[in-house]
Structure formats: C-alpha cells, structure tokens
Amino acid sequence: MTVGQASGFAYRVRKNGDVEISHHGRQATVLRGQAASAFVVQASRCAPEDAQQLMARATGNYKRSNERLASRHARNRA
C-alpha cells in the first residue's frame, strides 16, 4: 500500500511489518519493529498533509529553521 505523495514522500507497509519510506520514488529509510508500528498508527490517524510531515521527520528531511542563515554563509554565495 502506497500512501501520500503530495510532497514527494510515500510509505508502504511490507508483509513483515516494516515501513519503507520513499522520497520522489527513491527509498529514504526503513522503519522496523516498534518504530514502524508507532508510525503506522500515527499516519493512519492524521490527514495526508500531516502524514507528509511525519515521513519527513522519520527520514530527518525537514526544515530546521536555519535556511535563511545558511543562505548568508560565504560558501553559499555565488
């Protein structure tokens, strides 16, 4: 079962209970055991937009509020 592709994240529950999270079609992470169970419960209770946020947090790919600061850094200036 693949769910929620609005922001590029999708997840699929494997037969063995693991949860595979992908971003734009590429595998980002696999949750196993208790983490997988907790994720499925949370994702089933929330809206698809919120599920996108859950998947982003599970993969570590979410905003950290430093984007503006990083754009001013010397290495990021052209």
C-alpha atoms as a PDB file:
ATOM      1  CA  MET A   1       0.000   0.000   0.000  1.00  0.00           C
ATOM      2  CA  THR A   2       1.458   3.368  -1.018  1.00  0.00           C
ATOM      3  CA  VAL A   3       0.056   6.462   0.646  1.00  0.00           C
ATOM      4  CA  GLY A   4       0.506  10.252   0.467  1.00  0.00           C
ATOM      5  CA  GLN A   5       2.631  11.555  -2.370  1.00  0.00           C
ATOM      6  CA  ALA A   6       1.690  15.276  -2.196  1.00  0.00           C
ATOM      7  CA  SER A   7       5.133  16.483  -1.033  1.00  0.00           C
ATOM      8  CA  GLY A   8       7.136  13.692  -2.550  1.00  0.00           C
ATOM      9  CA  PHE A   9       7.041  11.297   0.399  1.00  0.00           C
ATOM     10  CA  ALA A  10       5.269   7.973   0.283  1.00  0.00           C
ATOM     11  CA  TYR A  11       5.265   4.960   2.544  1.00  0.00           C
ATOM     12  CA  ARG A  12       4.495   1.333   2.090  1.00  0.00           C
ATOM     13  CA  VAL A  13       3.953  -1.349   4.707  1.00  0.00           C
ATOM     14  CA  ARG A  14       5.806  -4.547   3.875  1.00  0.00           C
ATOM     15  CA  LYS A  15       4.438  -8.034   4.594  1.00  0.00           C
ATOM     16  CA  ASN A  16       6.771  -8.413   7.573  1.00  0.00           C
ATOM     17  CA  GLY A  17       5.521  -5.160   9.171  1.00  0.00           C
ATOM     18  CA  ASP A  18       8.444  -2.931   8.181  1.00  0.00           C
ATOM     19  CA  VAL A  19       7.595   0.500   6.782  1.00  0.00           C
ATOM     20  CA  GLU A  20       9.520   1.705   3.739  1.00  0.00           C
ATOM     21  CA  ILE A  21       9.508   5.486   3.297  1.00  0.00           C
ATOM     22  CA  SER A  22      10.457   6.859  -0.100  1.00  0.00           C
ATOM     23  CA  HIS A  23      11.011  10.392  -1.357  1.00  0.00           C
ATOM     24  CA  HIS A  24      10.292  11.066  -5.033  1.00  0.00           C
ATOM     25  CA  GLY A  25      10.401   7.343  -5.757  1.00  0.00           C
ATOM     26  CA  ARG A  26      13.731   6.630  -4.047  1.00  0.00           C
ATOM     27  CA  GLN A  27      13.955   4.752  -0.779  1.00  0.00           C
ATOM     28  CA  ALA A  28      14.804   7.146   2.038  1.00  0.00           C
ATOM     29  CA  THR A  29      14.549   4.903   5.103  1.00  0.00           C
ATOM     30  CA  VAL A  30      13.045   1.732   6.522  1.00  0.00           C
ATOM     31  CA  LEU A  31      11.368   1.653   9.917  1.00  0.00           C
ATOM     32  CA  ARG A  32      11.301  -1.648  11.766  1.00  0.00           C
ATOM     33  CA  GLY A  33       9.726  -3.040  14.890  1.00  0.00           C
ATOM     34  CA  GLN A  34       8.156  -0.676  17.383  1.00  0.00           C
ATOM     35  CA  ALA A  35       9.067   2.427  15.357  1.00  0.00           C
ATOM     36  CA  ALA A  36       7.227   1.023  12.338  1.00  0.00           C
ATOM     37  CA  SER A  37       4.154   0.152  14.393  1.00  0.00           C
ATOM     38  CA  ALA A  38       4.051   3.589  16.003  1.00  0.00           C
ATOM     39  CA  PHE A  39       4.450   5.287  12.617  1.00  0.00           C
ATOM     40  CA  VAL A  40       1.574   3.337  11.052  1.00  0.00           C
ATOM     41  CA  VAL A  41      -0.722   4.210  13.957  1.00  0.00           C
ATOM     42  CA  GLN A  42       0.178   7.923  13.775  1.00  0.00           C
ATOM     43  CA  ALA A  43      -0.086   8.062   9.979  1.00  0.00           C
ATOM     44  CA  SER A  44      -3.485   6.371   9.965  1.00  0.00           C
ATOM     45  CA  ARG A  45      -4.872   8.893  12.456  1.00  0.00           C
ATOM     46  CA  CYS A  46      -3.784  12.068  10.664  1.00  0.00           C
ATOM     47  CA  ALA A  47      -4.530  13.918   7.441  1.00  0.00           C
ATOM     48  CA  PRO A  48      -2.361  13.237   4.367  1.00  0.00           C
ATOM     49  CA  GLU A  49      -0.593  16.614   4.778  1.00  0.00           C
ATOM     50  CA  ASP A  50       0.331  15.712   8.340  1.00  0.00           C
ATOM     51  CA  ALA A  51       1.492  12.273   7.206  1.00  0.00           C
ATOM     52  CA  GLN A  52       3.929  14.043   4.883  1.00  0.00           C
ATOM     53  CA  GLN A  53       5.381  15.838   7.914  1.00  0.00           C
ATOM     54  CA  LEU A  54       5.631  12.548   9.819  1.00  0.00           C
ATOM     55  CA  MET A  55       7.534  10.963   6.938  1.00  0.00           C
ATOM     56  CA  ALA A  56       9.853  13.955   6.662  1.00  0.00           C
ATOM     57  CA  ARG A  57      10.612  13.757  10.365  1.00  0.00           C
ATOM     58  CA  ALA A  58      11.180   9.993  10.191  1.00  0.00           C
ATOM     59  CA  THR A  59      13.780  10.473   7.439  1.00  0.00           C
ATOM     60  CA  GLY A  60      15.366  13.558   9.001  1.00  0.00           C
ATOM     61  CA  ASN A  61      14.464  15.569   5.913  1.00  0.00           C
ATOM     62  CA  TYR A  62      12.588  18.537   7.274  1.00  0.00           C
ATOM     63  CA  LYS A  63      13.203  22.240   7.818  1.00  0.00           C
ATOM     64  CA  ARG A  64      15.445  23.098  10.720  1.00  0.00           C
ATOM     65  CA  SER A  65      14.758  26.860  10.708  1.00  0.00           C
ATOM     66  CA  ASN A  66      18.282  27.685   9.577  1.00  0.00           C
ATOM     67  CA  GLU A  67      17.648  28.074   5.857  1.00  0.00           C
ATOM     68  CA  ARG A  68      17.837  31.865   5.890  1.00  0.00           C
ATOM     69  CA  LEU A  69      21.010  31.839   7.998  1.00  0.00           C
ATOM     70  CA  ALA A  70      22.663  29.250   5.736  1.00  0.00           C
ATOM     71  CA  SER A  71      21.932  31.283   2.612  1.00  0.00           C
ATOM     72  CA  ARG A  72      24.017  34.135   4.031  1.00  0.00           C
ATOM     73  CA  HIS A  73      27.046  31.930   4.659  1.00  0.00           C
ATOM     74  CA  ALA A  74      30.101  32.671   2.479  1.00  0.00           C
ATOM     75  CA  ARG A  75      30.232  29.203   0.936  1.00  0.00           C
ATOM     76  CA  ASN A  76      26.654  29.589  -0.341  1.00  0.00           C
ATOM     77  CA  ARG A  77      27.191  32.922  -2.077  1.00  0.00           C
ATOM     78  CA  ALA A  78      27.867  32.870  -5.771  1.00  0.00           C
END
